């Protein structure tokens, strides 16, 4: 059985020693990196387009949570190995 490790910034798990898995764990943090970058750009330039993009990211996250709770799709059987069976999966 493959040993999974958690990425230290979040609870994204990937196979130990898997560089592609580690890269994909970083990719899952893209919305957070984008939000922080947009906030920094807004503070530096004071342009409202950055605020609009940040609001869009927040709305996207809220819509994703609502869809997840409405559809209530079960997680795949591999959730046991990842210890993540306590929430719904995405369709």
PDB file of N, CA and C in Angstrom:
ATOM      1  N   UNK A   1       0.846  -1.185   0.000  1.00  0.00           N
ATOM      2  CA  UNK A   1       0.000   0.000   0.000  1.00  0.00           C
ATOM      3  C   UNK A   1       0.884   1.240   0.000  1.00  0.00           C
ATOM      4  N   UNK A   2       0.487   2.255  -0.751  1.00  0.00           N
ATOM      5  CA  UNK A   2       1.251   3.488  -0.884  1.00  0.00           C
ATOM      6  C   UNK A   2       1.007   4.365   0.335  1.00  0.00           C
ATOM      7  N   UNK A   3       2.075   4.885   0.899  1.00  0.00           N
ATOM      8  CA  UNK A   3       1.961   5.782   2.045  1.00  0.00           C
ATOM      9  C   UNK A   3       1.682   7.194   1.536  1.00  0.00           C
ATOM     10  N   UNK A   4       0.607   7.807   2.041  1.00  0.00           N
ATOM     11  CA  UNK A   4       0.248   9.167   1.645  1.00  0.00           C
ATOM     12  C   UNK A   4       0.694  10.145   2.721  1.00  0.00           C
ATOM     13  N   UNK A   5       1.187  11.294   2.277  1.00  0.00           N
ATOM     14  CA  UNK A   5       1.594  12.354   3.197  1.00  0.00           C
ATOM     15  C   UNK A   5       0.774  13.600   2.888  1.00  0.00           C
ATOM     16  N   UNK A   6       0.582  14.428   3.894  1.00  0.00           N
ATOM     17  CA  UNK A   6      -0.186  15.670   3.712  1.00  0.00           C
ATOM     18  C   UNK A   6       0.754  16.801   3.340  1.00  0.00           C
ATOM     19  N   UNK A   7       0.317  17.639   2.407  1.00  0.00           N
ATOM     20  CA  UNK A   7       1.055  18.848   2.079  1.00  0.00           C
ATOM     21  C   UNK A   7       0.977  19.761   3.288  1.00  0.00           C
ATOM     22  N   UNK A   8       2.086  20.340   3.697  1.00  0.00           N
ATOM     23  CA  UNK A   8       2.152  21.002   4.997  1.00  0.00           C
ATOM     24  C   UNK A   8       1.237  22.232   5.122  1.00  0.00           C
ATOM     25  N   UNK A   9       0.920  22.931   4.032  1.00  0.00           N
ATOM     26  CA  UNK A   9       0.080  24.117   4.142  1.00  0.00           C
ATOM     27  C   UNK A   9      -1.400  23.788   4.277  1.00  0.00           C
ATOM     28  N   UNK A  10      -1.807  22.639   3.754  1.00  0.00           N
ATOM     29  CA  UNK A  10      -3.214  22.241   3.781  1.00  0.00           C
ATOM     30  C   UNK A  10      -3.289  20.757   4.087  1.00  0.00           C
ATOM     31  N   UNK A  11      -4.465  20.204   3.934  1.00  0.00           N
ATOM     32  CA  UNK A  11      -4.598  18.764   4.132  1.00  0.00           C
ATOM     33  C   UNK A  11      -4.720  18.048   2.790  1.00  0.00           C
ATOM     34  N   UNK A  12      -4.104  18.562   1.760  1.00  0.00           N
ATOM     35  CA  UNK A  12      -4.056  17.889   0.469  1.00  0.00           C
ATOM     36  C   UNK A  12      -3.031  16.771   0.586  1.00  0.00           C
ATOM     37  N   UNK A  13      -3.463  15.557   0.252  1.00  0.00           N
ATOM     38  CA  UNK A  13      -2.576  14.404   0.414  1.00  0.00           C
ATOM     39  C   UNK A  13      -2.161  13.854  -0.935  1.00  0.00           C
ATOM     40  N   UNK A  14      -0.919  13.364  -0.997  1.00  0.00           N
ATOM     41  CA  UNK A  14      -0.378  12.768  -2.214  1.00  0.00           C
ATOM     42  C   UNK A  14       0.543  11.625  -1.812  1.00  0.00           C
ATOM     43  N   UNK A  15       0.836  10.751  -2.772  1.00  0.00           N
ATOM     44  CA  UNK A  15       1.698   9.602  -2.487  1.00  0.00           C
ATOM     45  C   UNK A  15       3.104  10.078  -2.148  1.00  0.00           C
ATOM     46  N   UNK A  16       3.676   9.505  -1.117  1.00  0.00           N
ATOM     47  CA  UNK A  16       5.018   9.892  -0.669  1.00  0.00           C
ATOM     48  C   UNK A  16       6.031   9.652  -1.785  1.00  0.00           C
ATOM     49  N   UNK A  17       6.847  10.666  -2.068  1.00  0.00           N
ATOM     50  CA  UNK A  17       7.859  10.576  -3.110  1.00  0.00           C
ATOM     51  C   UNK A  17       7.345  10.887  -4.504  1.00  0.00           C
ATOM     52  N   UNK A  18       6.071  11.174  -4.664  1.00  0.00           N
ATOM     53  CA  UNK A  18       5.475  11.455  -5.964  1.00  0.00           C
ATOM     54  C   UNK A  18       5.599  12.944  -6.263  1.00  0.00           C
ATOM     55  N   UNK A  19       6.496  13.305  -7.164  1.00  0.00           N
ATOM     56  CA  UNK A  19       6.709  14.720  -7.452  1.00  0.00           C
ATOM     57  C   UNK A  19       5.524  15.325  -8.215  1.00  0.00           C
ATOM     58  N   UNK A  20       4.899  14.537  -9.078  1.00  0.00           N
ATOM     59  CA  UNK A  20       3.724  15.040  -9.795  1.00  0.00           C
ATOM     60  C   UNK A  20       2.590  15.286  -8.800  1.00  0.00           C
ATOM     61  N   UNK A  21       2.413  14.374  -7.841  1.00  0.00           N
ATOM     62  CA  UNK A  21       1.391  14.552  -6.815  1.00  0.00           C
ATOM     63  C   UNK A  21       1.641  15.797  -5.985  1.00  0.00           C
ATOM     64  N   UNK A  22       2.907  16.046  -5.663  1.00  0.00           N
ATOM     65  CA  UNK A  22       3.236  17.245  -4.890  1.00  0.00           C
ATOM     66  C   UNK A  22       2.950  18.510  -5.708  1.00  0.00           C
ATOM     67  N   UNK A  23       3.269  18.462  -7.007  1.00  0.00           N
ATOM     68  CA  UNK A  23       2.978  19.597  -7.878  1.00  0.00           C
ATOM     69  C   UNK A  23       1.479  19.841  -7.957  1.00  0.00           C
ATOM     70  N   UNK A  24       0.699  18.774  -8.085  1.00  0.00           N
ATOM     71  CA  UNK A  24      -0.753  18.921  -8.142  1.00  0.00           C
ATOM     72  C   UNK A  24      -1.325  19.406  -6.812  1.00  0.00           C
ATOM     73  N   UNK A  25      -0.683  19.035  -5.694  1.00  0.00           N
ATOM     74  CA  UNK A  25      -1.106  19.552  -4.394  1.00  0.00           C
ATOM     75  C   UNK A  25      -0.914  21.071  -4.343  1.00  0.00           C
ATOM     76  N   UNK A  26       0.164  21.548  -4.940  1.00  0.00           N
ATOM     77  CA  UNK A  26       0.385  23.000  -5.016  1.00  0.00           C
ATOM     78  C   UNK A  26      -0.630  23.675  -5.925  1.00  0.00           C
ATOM     79  N   UNK A  27      -1.005  23.002  -7.029  1.00  0.00           N
ATOM     80  CA  UNK A  27      -1.971  23.573  -7.963  1.00  0.00           C
ATOM     81  C   UNK A  27      -3.322  23.776  -7.288  1.00  0.00           C
ATOM     82  N   UNK A  28      -3.684  22.890  -6.350  1.00  0.00           N
ATOM     83  CA  UNK A  28      -4.973  23.045  -5.673  1.00  0.00           C
ATOM     84  C   UNK A  28      -5.027  24.319  -4.835  1.00  0.00           C
ATOM     85  N   UNK A  29      -3.879  24.886  -4.545  1.00  0.00           N
ATOM     86  CA  UNK A  29      -3.830  26.133  -3.781  1.00  0.00           C
ATOM     87  C   UNK A  29      -3.901  27.376  -4.675  1.00  0.00           C
ATOM     88  N   UNK A  30      -4.065  27.193  -5.984  1.00  0.00           N
ATOM     89  CA  UNK A  30      -4.079  28.316  -6.916  1.00  0.00           C
ATOM     90  C   UNK A  30      -5.099  29.400  -6.554  1.00  0.00           C
ATOM     91  N   UNK A  31      -6.347  29.055  -6.177  1.00  0.00           N
ATOM     92  CA  UNK A  31      -7.279  30.137  -5.817  1.00  0.00           C
ATOM     93  C   UNK A  31      -6.793  30.978  -4.643  1.00  0.00           C
ATOM     94  N   UNK A  32      -6.136  30.346  -3.680  1.00  0.00           N
ATOM     95  CA  UNK A  32      -5.624  31.100  -2.528  1.00  0.00           C
ATOM     96  C   UNK A  32      -4.486  32.010  -2.962  1.00  0.00           C
ATOM     97  N   UNK A  33      -3.557  31.478  -3.775  1.00  0.00           N
ATOM     98  CA  UNK A  33      -2.454  32.295  -4.274  1.00  0.00           C
ATOM     99  C   UNK A  33      -2.980  33.454  -5.121  1.00  0.00           C
ATOM    100  N   UNK A  34      -3.986  33.178  -5.957  1.00  0.00           N
ATOM    101  CA  UNK A  34      -4.560  34.232  -6.788  1.00  0.00           C
ATOM    102  C   UNK A  34      -5.205  35.318  -5.932  1.00  0.00           C
ATOM    103  N   UNK A  35      -5.933  34.909  -4.896  1.00  0.00           N
ATOM    104  CA  UNK A  35      -6.601  35.879  -4.032  1.00  0.00           C
ATOM    105  C   UNK A  35      -5.572  36.778  -3.349  1.00  0.00           C
ATOM    106  N   UNK A  36      -4.521  36.183  -2.813  1.00  0.00           N
ATOM    107  CA  UNK A  36      -3.478  36.964  -2.132  1.00  0.00           C
ATOM    108  C   UNK A  36      -2.785  37.895  -3.122  1.00  0.00           C
ATOM    109  N   UNK A  37      -2.491  37.397  -4.323  1.00  0.00           N
ATOM    110  CA  UNK A  37      -1.853  38.232  -5.336  1.00  0.00           C
ATOM    111  C   UNK A  37      -2.735  39.387  -5.767  1.00  0.00           C
ATOM    112  N   UNK A  38      -4.019  39.102  -5.962  1.00  0.00           N
ATOM    113  CA  UNK A  38      -4.951  40.165  -6.347  1.00  0.00           C
ATOM    114  C   UNK A  38      -5.105  41.199  -5.241  1.00  0.00           C
ATOM    115  N   UNK A  39      -5.119  40.745  -4.001  1.00  0.00           N
ATOM    116  CA  UNK A  39      -5.232  41.678  -2.881  1.00  0.00           C
ATOM    117  C   UNK A  39      -3.996  42.586  -2.823  1.00  0.00           C
ATOM    118  N   UNK A  40      -2.831  41.990  -3.021  1.00  0.00           N
ATOM    119  CA  UNK A  40      -1.605  42.795  -3.055  1.00  0.00           C
ATOM    120  C   UNK A  40      -1.602  43.784  -4.202  1.00  0.00           C
ATOM    121  N   UNK A  41      -2.073  43.352  -5.370  1.00  0.00           N
ATOM    122  CA  UNK A  41      -2.144  44.254  -6.519  1.00  0.00           C
ATOM    123  C   UNK A  41      -3.135  45.382  -6.260  1.00  0.00           C
ATOM    124  N   UNK A  42      -4.255  45.048  -5.606  1.00  0.00           N
ATOM    125  CA  UNK A  42      -5.229  46.091  -5.281  1.00  0.00           C
ATOM    126  C   UNK A  42      -4.621  47.113  -4.321  1.00  0.00           C
ATOM    127  N   UNK A  43      -3.909  46.646  -3.304  1.00  0.00           N
ATOM    128  CA  UNK A  43      -3.295  47.578  -2.359  1.00  0.00           C
ATOM    129  C   UNK A  43      -2.260  48.471  -3.040  1.00  0.00           C
ATOM    130  N   UNK A  44      -1.546  47.920  -4.018  1.00  0.00           N
ATOM    131  CA  UNK A  44      -0.504  48.693  -4.687  1.00  0.00           C
ATOM    132  C   UNK A  44      -1.064  49.669  -5.713  1.00  0.00           C
ATOM    133  N   UNK A  45      -2.124  49.263  -6.430  1.00  0.00           N
ATOM    134  CA  UNK A  45      -2.595  50.077  -7.545  1.00  0.00           C
ATOM    135  C   UNK A  45      -3.962  50.703  -7.337  1.00  0.00           C
ATOM    136  N   UNK A  46      -4.731  50.224  -6.373  1.00  0.00           N
ATOM    137  CA  UNK A  46      -6.063  50.749  -6.055  1.00  0.00           C
ATOM    138  C   UNK A  46      -7.015  50.730  -7.259  1.00  0.00           C
ATOM    139  N   UNK A  47      -6.998  49.629  -8.029  1.00  0.00           N
ATOM    140  CA  UNK A  47      -7.900  49.491  -9.170  1.00  0.00           C
ATOM    141  C   UNK A  47      -9.013  48.515  -8.812  1.00  0.00           C
ATOM    142  N   UNK A  48     -10.235  48.879  -9.144  1.00  0.00           N
ATOM    143  CA  UNK A  48     -11.398  48.081  -8.761  1.00  0.00           C
ATOM    144  C   UNK A  48     -11.493  46.750  -9.493  1.00  0.00           C
ATOM    145  N   UNK A  49     -10.799  46.594 -10.605  1.00  0.00           N
ATOM    146  CA  UNK A  49     -10.863  45.314 -11.311  1.00  0.00           C
ATOM    147  C   UNK A  49     -10.299  44.190 -10.448  1.00  0.00           C
ATOM    148  N   UNK A  50      -9.354  44.489  -9.593  1.00  0.00           N
ATOM    149  CA  UNK A  50      -8.808  43.468  -8.696  1.00  0.00           C
ATOM    150  C   UNK A  50      -9.849  43.045  -7.656  1.00  0.00           C
ATOM    151  N   UNK A  51     -10.599  44.013  -7.161  1.00  0.00           N
ATOM    152  CA  UNK A  51     -11.663  43.695  -6.199  1.00  0.00           C
ATOM    153  C   UNK A  51     -12.731  42.842  -6.874  1.00  0.00           C
ATOM    154  N   UNK A  52     -13.065  43.156  -8.113  1.00  0.00           N
ATOM    155  CA  UNK A  52     -14.051  42.373  -8.853  1.00  0.00           C
ATOM    156  C   UNK A  52     -13.587  40.931  -9.012  1.00  0.00           C
ATOM    157  N   UNK A  53     -12.339  40.731  -9.338  1.00  0.00           N
ATOM    158  CA  UNK A  53     -11.804  39.376  -9.473  1.00  0.00           C
ATOM    159  C   UNK A  53     -11.810  38.640  -8.133  1.00  0.00           C
ATOM    160  N   UNK A  54     -11.477  39.333  -7.049  1.00  0.00           N
ATOM    161  CA  UNK A  54     -11.497  38.699  -5.725  1.00  0.00           C
ATOM    162  C   UNK A  54     -12.920  38.301  -5.347  1.00  0.00           C
ATOM    163  N   UNK A  55     -13.881  39.159  -5.635  1.00  0.00           N
ATOM    164  CA  UNK A  55     -15.292  38.827  -5.363  1.00  0.00           C
ATOM    165  C   UNK A  55     -15.708  37.615  -6.189  1.00  0.00           C
ATOM    166  N   UNK A  56     -15.241  37.527  -7.428  1.00  0.00           N
ATOM    167  CA  UNK A  56     -15.532  36.380  -8.277  1.00  0.00           C
ATOM    168  C   UNK A  56     -14.993  35.082  -7.702  1.00  0.00           C
ATOM    169  N   UNK A  57     -13.792  35.119  -7.142  1.00  0.00           N
ATOM    170  CA  UNK A  57     -13.209  33.923  -6.520  1.00  0.00           C
ATOM    171  C   UNK A  57     -14.053  33.491  -5.330  1.00  0.00           C
ATOM    172  N   UNK A  58     -14.462  34.442  -4.501  1.00  0.00           N
ATOM    173  CA  UNK A  58     -15.278  34.121  -3.329  1.00  0.00           C
ATOM    174  C   UNK A  58     -16.629  33.556  -3.753  1.00  0.00           C
ATOM    175  N   UNK A  59     -17.260  34.167  -4.753  1.00  0.00           N
ATOM    176  CA  UNK A  59     -18.550  33.667  -5.240  1.00  0.00           C
ATOM    177  C   UNK A  59     -18.393  32.256  -5.789  1.00  0.00           C
ATOM    178  N   UNK A  60     -17.329  31.993  -6.520  1.00  0.00           N
ATOM    179  CA  UNK A  60     -17.071  30.654  -7.054  1.00  0.00           C
ATOM    180  C   UNK A  60     -16.963  29.626  -5.935  1.00  0.00           C
ATOM    181  N   UNK A  61     -16.256  29.954  -4.874  1.00  0.00           N
ATOM    182  CA  UNK A  61     -16.114  29.020  -3.749  1.00  0.00           C
ATOM    183  C   UNK A  61     -17.462  28.763  -3.076  1.00  0.00           C
ATOM    184  N   UNK A  62     -18.256  29.814  -2.919  1.00  0.00           N
ATOM    185  CA  UNK A  62     -19.576  29.654  -2.291  1.00  0.00           C
ATOM    186  C   UNK A  62     -20.480  28.783  -3.162  1.00  0.00           C
ATOM    187  N   UNK A  63     -20.483  29.031  -4.466  1.00  0.00           N
ATOM    188  CA  UNK A  63     -21.299  28.232  -5.386  1.00  0.00           C
ATOM    189  C   UNK A  63     -20.866  26.764  -5.346  1.00  0.00           C
ATOM    190  N   UNK A  64     -19.562  26.509  -5.302  1.00  0.00           N
ATOM    191  CA  UNK A  64     -19.072  25.130  -5.225  1.00  0.00           C
ATOM    192  C   UNK A  64     -19.568  24.431  -3.964  1.00  0.00           C
ATOM    193  N   UNK A  65     -19.544  25.117  -2.833  1.00  0.00           N
ATOM    194  CA  UNK A  65     -20.024  24.519  -1.574  1.00  0.00           C
ATOM    195  C   UNK A  65     -21.519  24.232  -1.654  1.00  0.00           C
ATOM    196  N   UNK A  66     -22.283  25.165  -2.198  1.00  0.00           N
ATOM    197  CA  UNK A  66     -23.735  24.976  -2.307  1.00  0.00           C
ATOM    198  C   UNK A  66     -24.046  23.792  -3.218  1.00  0.00           C
ATOM    199  N   UNK A  67     -23.401  23.716  -4.374  1.00  0.00           N
ATOM    200  CA  UNK A  67     -23.632  22.595  -5.294  1.00  0.00           C
ATOM    201  C   UNK A  67     -23.276  21.275  -4.623  1.00  0.00           C
ATOM    202  N   UNK A  68     -22.178  21.252  -3.898  1.00  0.00           N
ATOM    203  CA  UNK A  68     -21.747  20.032  -3.218  1.00  0.00           C
ATOM    204  C   UNK A  68     -22.791  19.570  -2.207  1.00  0.00           C
ATOM    205  N   UNK A  69     -23.373  20.506  -1.471  1.00  0.00           N
ATOM    206  CA  UNK A  69     -24.369  20.144  -0.457  1.00  0.00           C
ATOM    207  C   UNK A  69     -25.718  19.803  -1.064  1.00  0.00           C
ATOM    208  N   UNK A  70     -26.058  20.387  -2.214  1.00  0.00           N
ATOM    209  CA  UNK A  70     -27.335  20.105  -2.862  1.00  0.00           C
ATOM    210  C   UNK A  70     -27.302  18.738  -3.545  1.00  0.00           C
ATOM    211  N   UNK A  71     -26.229  18.444  -4.269  1.00  0.00           N
ATOM    212  CA  UNK A  71     -26.153  17.187  -5.019  1.00  0.00           C
ATOM    213  C   UNK A  71     -25.834  16.001  -4.107  1.00  0.00           C
ATOM    214  N   UNK A  72     -25.029  16.203  -3.090  1.00  0.00           N
ATOM    215  CA  UNK A  72     -24.675  15.174  -2.100  1.00  0.00           C
ATOM    216  C   UNK A  72     -24.145  13.891  -2.737  1.00  0.00           C
ATOM    217  N   UNK A  73     -23.246  14.043  -3.687  1.00  0.00           N
ATOM    218  CA  UNK A  73     -22.640  12.880  -4.337  1.00  0.00           C
ATOM    219  C   UNK A  73     -21.695  12.191  -3.352  1.00  0.00           C
ATOM    220  N   UNK A  74     -21.740  10.864  -3.276  1.00  0.00           N
ATOM    221  CA  UNK A  74     -20.835  10.170  -2.360  1.00  0.00           C
ATOM    222  C   UNK A  74     -19.394  10.233  -2.858  1.00  0.00           C
ATOM    223  N   UNK A  75     -18.474  10.155  -1.931  1.00  0.00           N
ATOM    224  CA  UNK A  75     -17.071  10.120  -2.300  1.00  0.00           C
ATOM    225  C   UNK A  75     -16.733   8.762  -2.899  1.00  0.00           C
ATOM    226  N   UNK A  76     -15.680   8.680  -3.716  1.00  0.00           N
ATOM    227  CA  UNK A  76     -15.279   7.382  -4.246  1.00  0.00           C
ATOM    228  C   UNK A  76     -14.787   6.469  -3.126  1.00  0.00           C
ATOM    229  N   UNK A  77     -14.705   5.179  -3.426  1.00  0.00           N
ATOM    230  CA  UNK A  77     -14.296   4.211  -2.406  1.00  0.00           C
ATOM    231  C   UNK A  77     -12.873   4.439  -1.903  1.00  0.00           C
ATOM    232  N   UNK A  78     -12.067   5.188  -2.635  1.00  0.00           N
ATOM    233  CA  UNK A  78     -10.689   5.457  -2.210  1.00  0.00           C
ATOM    234  C   UNK A  78     -10.604   6.461  -1.071  1.00  0.00           C
ATOM    235  N   UNK A  79     -11.738   7.022  -0.659  1.00  0.00           N
ATOM    236  CA  UNK A  79     -11.711   8.022   0.418  1.00  0.00           C
ATOM    237  C   UNK A  79     -11.224   7.415   1.723  1.00  0.00           C
ATOM    238  N   UNK A  80     -11.371   6.119   1.898  1.00  0.00           N
ATOM    239  CA  UNK A  80     -10.921   5.463   3.126  1.00  0.00           C
ATOM    240  C   UNK A  80      -9.403   5.599   3.256  1.00  0.00           C
ATOM    241  N   UNK A  81      -8.685   5.411   2.150  1.00  0.00           N
ATOM    242  CA  UNK A  81      -7.225   5.523   2.180  1.00  0.00           C
ATOM    243  C   UNK A  81      -6.773   6.944   2.469  1.00  0.00           C
ATOM    244  N   UNK A  82      -7.577   7.912   2.071  1.00  0.00           N
ATOM    245  CA  UNK A  82      -7.223   9.319   2.281  1.00  0.00           C
ATOM    246  C   UNK A  82      -7.810   9.899   3.558  1.00  0.00           C
ATOM    247  N   UNK A  83      -8.607   9.092   4.268  1.00  0.00           N
ATOM    248  CA  UNK A  83      -9.248   9.528   5.512  1.00  0.00           C
ATOM    249  C   UNK A  83     -10.097  10.776   5.301  1.00  0.00           C
ATOM    250  N   UNK A  84     -10.880  10.791   4.209  1.00  0.00           N
ATOM    251  CA  UNK A  84     -11.679  11.962   3.877  1.00  0.00           C
ATOM    252  C   UNK A  84     -13.113  11.576   3.562  1.00  0.00           C
ATOM    253  N   UNK A  85     -13.665  10.607   4.237  1.00  0.00           N
ATOM    254  CA  UNK A  85     -15.030  10.127   3.924  1.00  0.00           C
ATOM    255  C   UNK A  85     -16.110  10.890   4.683  1.00  0.00           C
ATOM    256  N   UNK A  86     -15.763  11.924   5.420  1.00  0.00           N
ATOM    257  CA  UNK A  86     -16.748  12.617   6.257  1.00  0.00           C
ATOM    258  C   UNK A  86     -17.480  13.758   5.542  1.00  0.00           C
ATOM    259  N   UNK A  87     -17.230  13.956   4.248  1.00  0.00           N
ATOM    260  CA  UNK A  87     -17.925  14.999   3.507  1.00  0.00           C
ATOM    261  C   UNK A  87     -18.360  14.437   2.154  1.00  0.00           C
ATOM    262  N   UNK A  88     -19.116  15.222   1.408  1.00  0.00           N
ATOM    263  CA  UNK A  88     -19.597  14.784   0.097  1.00  0.00           C
ATOM    264  C   UNK A  88     -18.523  14.994  -0.961  1.00  0.00           C
ATOM    265  N   UNK A  89     -18.617  14.220  -2.038  1.00  0.00           N
ATOM    266  CA  UNK A  89     -17.735  14.394  -3.171  1.00  0.00           C
ATOM    267  C   UNK A  89     -18.351  15.359  -4.168  1.00  0.00           C
ATOM    268  N   UNK A  90     -17.652  15.622  -5.232  1.00  0.00           N
ATOM    269  CA  UNK A  90     -18.181  16.501  -6.280  1.00  0.00           C
ATOM    270  C   UNK A  90     -18.661  15.655  -7.439  1.00  0.00           C
ATOM    271  N   UNK A  91     -19.733  16.092  -8.092  1.00  0.00           N
ATOM    272  CA  UNK A  91     -20.228  15.331  -9.249  1.00  0.00           C
ATOM    273  C   UNK A  91     -19.247  15.389 -10.412  1.00  0.00           C
TER     274      UNK A  91
END
